[in-house]
Amino acid sequence: MEAIALAVRQDKECPRKPLQAPLSVDITFLVAMPKSWSKKRREESTGAPCINRSDIDNYCKTILDALNGILWIDDSQIYKLTAKKLWSINGASDITIW
């Protein structure tokens, strides 16, 4: 979780102080495809919904807890959460706060 917090703190768009208002959060998880997949399968799967054994609620919990005190005071401020997992060549996460 510390790696997540550090990456967000280094983002120039990150607020200097935690937000205090009720928040709506949209998270897109770009899940790295297995290197064992063929080039064709990787090309066909890029951007497609990711159905793997990892539960999306666990992904969300990790991100939300890691950003307590950084983007928001506490994740209890979040009144709406939208999340999706998509296949990607490289793994990443994109967080939008409304």
N, C-alpha and C. Protein backbone atom coordinates (compact mmCIF):
# COMPACT_ATOMS: atom_id res chain seq x y z
N MET A 1 0.82 -1.19 0.00
CA MET A 1 0.00 0.00 0.00
C MET A 1 0.87 1.26 0.00
N GLU A 2 2.05 1.18 0.57
CA GLU A 2 2.92 2.35 0.60
C GLU A 2 3.35 2.76 -0.80
N ALA A 3 3.52 1.79 -1.69
CA ALA A 3 3.90 2.11 -3.07
C ALA A 3 2.78 2.88 -3.76
N ILE A 4 1.54 2.54 -3.49
CA ILE A 4 0.39 3.25 -4.07
C ILE A 4 0.38 4.68 -3.57
N ALA A 5 0.51 4.85 -2.26
CA ALA A 5 0.51 6.19 -1.66
C ALA A 5 1.64 7.05 -2.22
N LEU A 6 2.81 6.48 -2.36
CA LEU A 6 3.95 7.22 -2.89
C LEU A 6 3.71 7.67 -4.33
N ALA A 7 3.18 6.76 -5.15
CA ALA A 7 2.91 7.11 -6.55
C ALA A 7 1.89 8.24 -6.66
N VAL A 8 0.87 8.22 -5.83
CA VAL A 8 -0.15 9.26 -5.86
C VAL A 8 0.42 10.59 -5.38
N ARG A 9 1.21 10.55 -4.33
CA ARG A 9 1.82 11.79 -3.81
C ARG A 9 2.70 12.46 -4.86
N GLN A 10 3.35 11.68 -5.71
CA GLN A 10 4.24 12.22 -6.73
C GLN A 10 3.49 12.76 -7.94
N ASP A 11 2.20 12.43 -8.08
CA ASP A 11 1.39 12.91 -9.20
C ASP A 11 1.12 14.40 -9.01
N LYS A 12 1.42 15.20 -10.02
CA LYS A 12 1.25 16.65 -9.93
C LYS A 12 -0.21 17.07 -9.80
N GLU A 13 -1.15 16.20 -10.19
CA GLU A 13 -2.57 16.53 -10.08
C GLU A 13 -3.15 16.16 -8.73
N CYS A 14 -2.36 15.55 -7.88
CA CYS A 14 -2.82 15.15 -6.55
C CYS A 14 -3.03 16.39 -5.68
N PRO A 15 -4.18 16.48 -4.99
CA PRO A 15 -4.39 17.63 -4.11
C PRO A 15 -3.35 17.66 -2.99
N ARG A 16 -2.98 18.86 -2.56
CA ARG A 16 -1.98 19.02 -1.50
C ARG A 16 -2.52 18.56 -0.14
N LYS A 17 -3.82 18.75 0.06
CA LYS A 17 -4.46 18.33 1.30
C LYS A 17 -5.57 17.35 0.97
N PRO A 18 -5.86 16.41 1.87
CA PRO A 18 -6.96 15.47 1.61
C PRO A 18 -8.29 16.19 1.42
N LEU A 19 -9.07 15.72 0.46
CA LEU A 19 -10.39 16.29 0.20
C LEU A 19 -11.32 15.96 1.36
N GLN A 20 -12.25 16.90 1.66
CA GLN A 20 -13.13 16.72 2.81
C GLN A 20 -14.58 16.48 2.43
N ALA A 21 -14.95 16.69 1.19
CA ALA A 21 -16.34 16.59 0.75
C ALA A 21 -16.73 15.13 0.48
N PRO A 22 -18.05 14.88 0.36
CA PRO A 22 -18.48 13.56 -0.11
C PRO A 22 -17.93 13.34 -1.54
N LEU A 23 -17.49 12.14 -1.82
CA LEU A 23 -16.79 11.88 -3.08
C LEU A 23 -17.40 10.73 -3.87
N SER A 24 -17.32 10.86 -5.17
CA SER A 24 -17.65 9.79 -6.10
C SER A 24 -16.33 9.38 -6.76
N VAL A 25 -16.01 8.10 -6.75
CA VAL A 25 -14.73 7.63 -7.24
C VAL A 25 -14.93 6.58 -8.33
N ASP A 26 -14.18 6.73 -9.40
CA ASP A 26 -14.20 5.78 -10.51
C ASP A 26 -12.79 5.21 -10.64
N ILE A 27 -12.66 3.89 -10.58
CA ILE A 27 -11.35 3.25 -10.68
C ILE A 27 -11.35 2.27 -11.83
N THR A 28 -10.34 2.37 -12.67
CA THR A 28 -10.12 1.40 -13.74
C THR A 28 -8.82 0.68 -13.44
N PHE A 29 -8.90 -0.63 -13.31
CA PHE A 29 -7.72 -1.46 -13.08
C PHE A 29 -7.31 -2.06 -14.42
N LEU A 30 -6.11 -1.74 -14.87
CA LEU A 30 -5.57 -2.32 -16.08
C LEU A 30 -4.67 -3.48 -15.65
N VAL A 31 -5.17 -4.68 -15.87
CA VAL A 31 -4.51 -5.88 -15.39
C VAL A 31 -3.57 -6.42 -16.47
N ALA A 32 -2.31 -6.59 -16.11
CA ALA A 32 -1.32 -7.08 -17.07
C ALA A 32 -1.65 -8.52 -17.49
N MET A 33 -1.61 -8.73 -18.80
CA MET A 33 -1.87 -10.06 -19.35
C MET A 33 -0.68 -10.98 -19.09
N PRO A 34 -0.95 -12.26 -18.93
CA PRO A 34 0.15 -13.21 -18.74
C PRO A 34 1.10 -13.19 -19.94
N LYS A 35 2.38 -13.25 -19.65
CA LYS A 35 3.38 -13.25 -20.73
C LYS A 35 3.28 -14.51 -21.58
N SER A 36 2.65 -15.54 -21.05
CA SER A 36 2.51 -16.80 -21.79
C SER A 36 1.49 -16.71 -22.92
N TRP A 37 0.64 -15.66 -22.92
CA TRP A 37 -0.36 -15.52 -23.98
C TRP A 37 0.33 -15.20 -25.31
N SER A 38 -0.26 -15.71 -26.38
CA SER A 38 0.28 -15.43 -27.72
C SER A 38 0.09 -13.96 -28.07
N LYS A 39 0.86 -13.49 -29.03
CA LYS A 39 0.75 -12.10 -29.48
C LYS A 39 -0.66 -11.81 -29.97
N LYS A 40 -1.24 -12.75 -30.71
CA LYS A 40 -2.59 -12.57 -31.23
C LYS A 40 -3.61 -12.44 -30.09
N ARG A 41 -3.51 -13.32 -29.11
CA ARG A 41 -4.45 -13.26 -27.98
C ARG A 41 -4.28 -11.97 -27.20
N ARG A 42 -3.04 -11.51 -27.05
CA ARG A 42 -2.79 -10.26 -26.33
C ARG A 42 -3.40 -9.08 -27.08
N GLU A 43 -3.24 -9.06 -28.38
CA GLU A 43 -3.82 -7.98 -29.20
C GLU A 43 -5.34 -7.99 -29.13
N GLU A 44 -5.93 -9.17 -29.19
CA GLU A 44 -7.40 -9.29 -29.15
C GLU A 44 -7.97 -8.94 -27.77
N SER A 45 -7.19 -9.15 -26.73
CA SER A 45 -7.69 -8.96 -25.36
C SER A 45 -7.45 -7.57 -24.79
N THR A 46 -6.57 -6.79 -25.39
CA THR A 46 -6.28 -5.46 -24.86
C THR A 46 -7.56 -4.62 -24.76
N GLY A 47 -7.85 -4.16 -23.57
CA GLY A 47 -9.04 -3.34 -23.33
C GLY A 47 -10.30 -4.13 -23.06
N ALA A 48 -10.24 -5.45 -23.18
CA ALA A 48 -11.42 -6.30 -22.92
C ALA A 48 -11.60 -6.48 -21.42
N PRO A 49 -12.83 -6.76 -20.98
CA PRO A 49 -13.05 -7.02 -19.56
C PRO A 49 -12.15 -8.16 -19.06
N CYS A 50 -11.57 -7.96 -17.91
CA CYS A 50 -10.66 -8.94 -17.31
C CYS A 50 -11.45 -9.83 -16.36
N ILE A 51 -11.53 -11.09 -16.72
CA ILE A 51 -12.17 -12.07 -15.85
C ILE A 51 -11.05 -13.01 -15.39
N ASN A 52 -10.57 -12.76 -14.19
CA ASN A 52 -9.54 -13.62 -13.61
C ASN A 52 -9.96 -13.96 -12.19
N ARG A 53 -9.12 -14.64 -11.47
CA ARG A 53 -9.49 -15.10 -10.12
C ARG A 53 -9.43 -14.00 -9.06
N SER A 54 -8.87 -12.85 -9.39
CA SER A 54 -8.76 -11.76 -8.42
C SER A 54 -10.09 -11.02 -8.30
N ASP A 55 -10.57 -10.89 -7.08
CA ASP A 55 -11.84 -10.21 -6.83
C ASP A 55 -11.67 -8.70 -6.90
N ILE A 56 -12.55 -8.04 -7.64
CA ILE A 56 -12.46 -6.59 -7.82
C ILE A 56 -12.63 -5.85 -6.50
N ASP A 57 -13.41 -6.40 -5.58
CA ASP A 57 -13.59 -5.71 -4.30
C ASP A 57 -12.28 -5.67 -3.50
N ASN A 58 -11.43 -6.67 -3.66
CA ASN A 58 -10.13 -6.65 -2.99
C ASN A 58 -9.21 -5.61 -3.62
N TYR A 59 -9.26 -5.47 -4.94
CA TYR A 59 -8.50 -4.42 -5.62
C TYR A 59 -8.92 -3.05 -5.06
N CYS A 60 -10.23 -2.83 -4.99
CA CYS A 60 -10.76 -1.53 -4.53
C CYS A 60 -10.36 -1.26 -3.09
N LYS A 61 -10.52 -2.24 -2.23
CA LYS A 61 -10.20 -2.05 -0.81
C LYS A 61 -8.75 -1.62 -0.62
N THR A 62 -7.85 -2.25 -1.37
CA THR A 62 -6.43 -1.90 -1.28
C THR A 62 -6.19 -0.44 -1.66
N ILE A 63 -6.77 -0.02 -2.79
CA ILE A 63 -6.59 1.36 -3.26
C ILE A 63 -7.21 2.35 -2.28
N LEU A 64 -8.45 2.10 -1.88
CA LEU A 64 -9.16 3.05 -1.01
C LEU A 64 -8.45 3.21 0.33
N ASP A 65 -8.02 2.12 0.92
CA ASP A 65 -7.32 2.20 2.21
C ASP A 65 -5.97 2.90 2.07
N ALA A 66 -5.27 2.64 0.98
CA ALA A 66 -3.94 3.24 0.77
C ALA A 66 -4.02 4.75 0.61
N LEU A 67 -5.16 5.26 0.15
CA LEU A 67 -5.27 6.69 -0.12
C LEU A 67 -5.93 7.48 1.00
N ASN A 68 -6.28 6.80 2.11
CA ASN A 68 -6.76 7.51 3.30
C ASN A 68 -5.68 8.48 3.76
N GLY A 69 -6.09 9.73 4.01
CA GLY A 69 -5.16 10.75 4.48
C GLY A 69 -4.34 11.37 3.37
N ILE A 70 -4.51 10.90 2.14
CA ILE A 70 -3.76 11.45 1.01
C ILE A 70 -4.72 12.15 0.04
N LEU A 71 -5.66 11.39 -0.52
CA LEU A 71 -6.66 11.99 -1.42
C LEU A 71 -7.92 12.38 -0.68
N TRP A 72 -8.25 11.66 0.35
CA TRP A 72 -9.43 11.95 1.18
C TRP A 72 -9.03 11.68 2.62
N ILE A 73 -9.81 12.25 3.54
CA ILE A 73 -9.51 12.05 4.96
C ILE A 73 -9.70 10.57 5.31
N ASP A 74 -10.86 10.03 4.91
CA ASP A 74 -11.17 8.63 5.16
C ASP A 74 -12.04 8.12 4.02
N ASP A 75 -11.89 6.87 3.65
CA ASP A 75 -12.68 6.35 2.54
C ASP A 75 -14.18 6.24 2.84
N SER A 76 -14.57 6.52 4.08
CA SER A 76 -16.00 6.58 4.41
C SER A 76 -16.68 7.77 3.73
N GLN A 77 -15.89 8.74 3.23
CA GLN A 77 -16.42 9.90 2.50
C GLN A 77 -16.95 9.51 1.12
N ILE A 78 -16.59 8.34 0.64
CA ILE A 78 -16.98 7.92 -0.71
C ILE A 78 -18.41 7.40 -0.67
N TYR A 79 -19.29 8.10 -1.39
CA TYR A 79 -20.69 7.70 -1.42
C TYR A 79 -21.02 6.91 -2.68
N LYS A 80 -20.14 6.97 -3.68
CA LYS A 80 -20.36 6.22 -4.91
C LYS A 80 -19.01 5.71 -5.41
N LEU A 81 -18.97 4.42 -5.74
CA LEU A 81 -17.75 3.80 -6.24
C LEU A 81 -18.08 2.98 -7.49
N THR A 82 -17.36 3.27 -8.56
CA THR A 82 -17.48 2.50 -9.80
C THR A 82 -16.11 1.92 -10.10
N ALA A 83 -16.07 0.64 -10.43
CA ALA A 83 -14.78 0.01 -10.71
C ALA A 83 -14.92 -1.00 -11.84
N LYS A 84 -13.82 -1.14 -12.60
CA LYS A 84 -13.78 -2.16 -13.65
C LYS A 84 -12.35 -2.65 -13.82
N LYS A 85 -12.24 -3.90 -14.30
CA LYS A 85 -10.94 -4.50 -14.59
C LYS A 85 -10.87 -4.76 -16.09
N LEU A 86 -9.80 -4.28 -16.71
CA LEU A 86 -9.60 -4.50 -18.14
C LEU A 86 -8.22 -5.10 -18.37
N TRP A 87 -8.12 -5.95 -19.38
CA TRP A 87 -6.81 -6.50 -19.74
C TRP A 87 -5.96 -5.42 -20.37
N SER A 88 -4.66 -5.47 -20.09
CA SER A 88 -3.73 -4.49 -20.61
C SER A 88 -2.35 -5.14 -20.80
N ILE A 89 -1.56 -4.56 -21.69
CA ILE A 89 -0.19 -5.04 -21.86
C ILE A 89 0.59 -4.83 -20.57
N ASN A 90 0.46 -3.64 -19.98
CA ASN A 90 1.13 -3.30 -18.71
C ASN A 90 0.06 -3.01 -17.66
N GLY A 91 0.31 -3.42 -16.45
CA GLY A 91 -0.63 -3.15 -15.38
C GLY A 91 -0.59 -1.70 -14.92
N ALA A 92 -1.73 -1.16 -14.51
CA ALA A 92 -1.82 0.20 -14.00
C ALA A 92 -3.20 0.39 -13.37
N SER A 93 -3.40 1.51 -12.72
CA SER A 93 -4.71 1.89 -12.19
C SER A 93 -4.95 3.34 -12.52
N ASP A 94 -6.19 3.67 -12.84
CA ASP A 94 -6.58 5.04 -13.11
C ASP A 94 -7.71 5.40 -12.16
N ILE A 95 -7.52 6.48 -11.40
CA ILE A 95 -8.51 6.89 -10.41
C ILE A 95 -9.04 8.26 -10.77
N THR A 96 -10.36 8.39 -10.87
CA THR A 96 -11.00 9.68 -11.12
C THR A 96 -11.91 9.98 -9.93
N ILE A 97 -11.79 11.19 -9.41
CA ILE A 97 -12.59 11.61 -8.25
C ILE A 97 -13.52 12.72 -8.70
N TRP A 98 -14.77 12.61 -8.35
CA TRP A 98 -15.79 13.62 -8.69
C TRP A 98 -16.24 14.33 -7.44
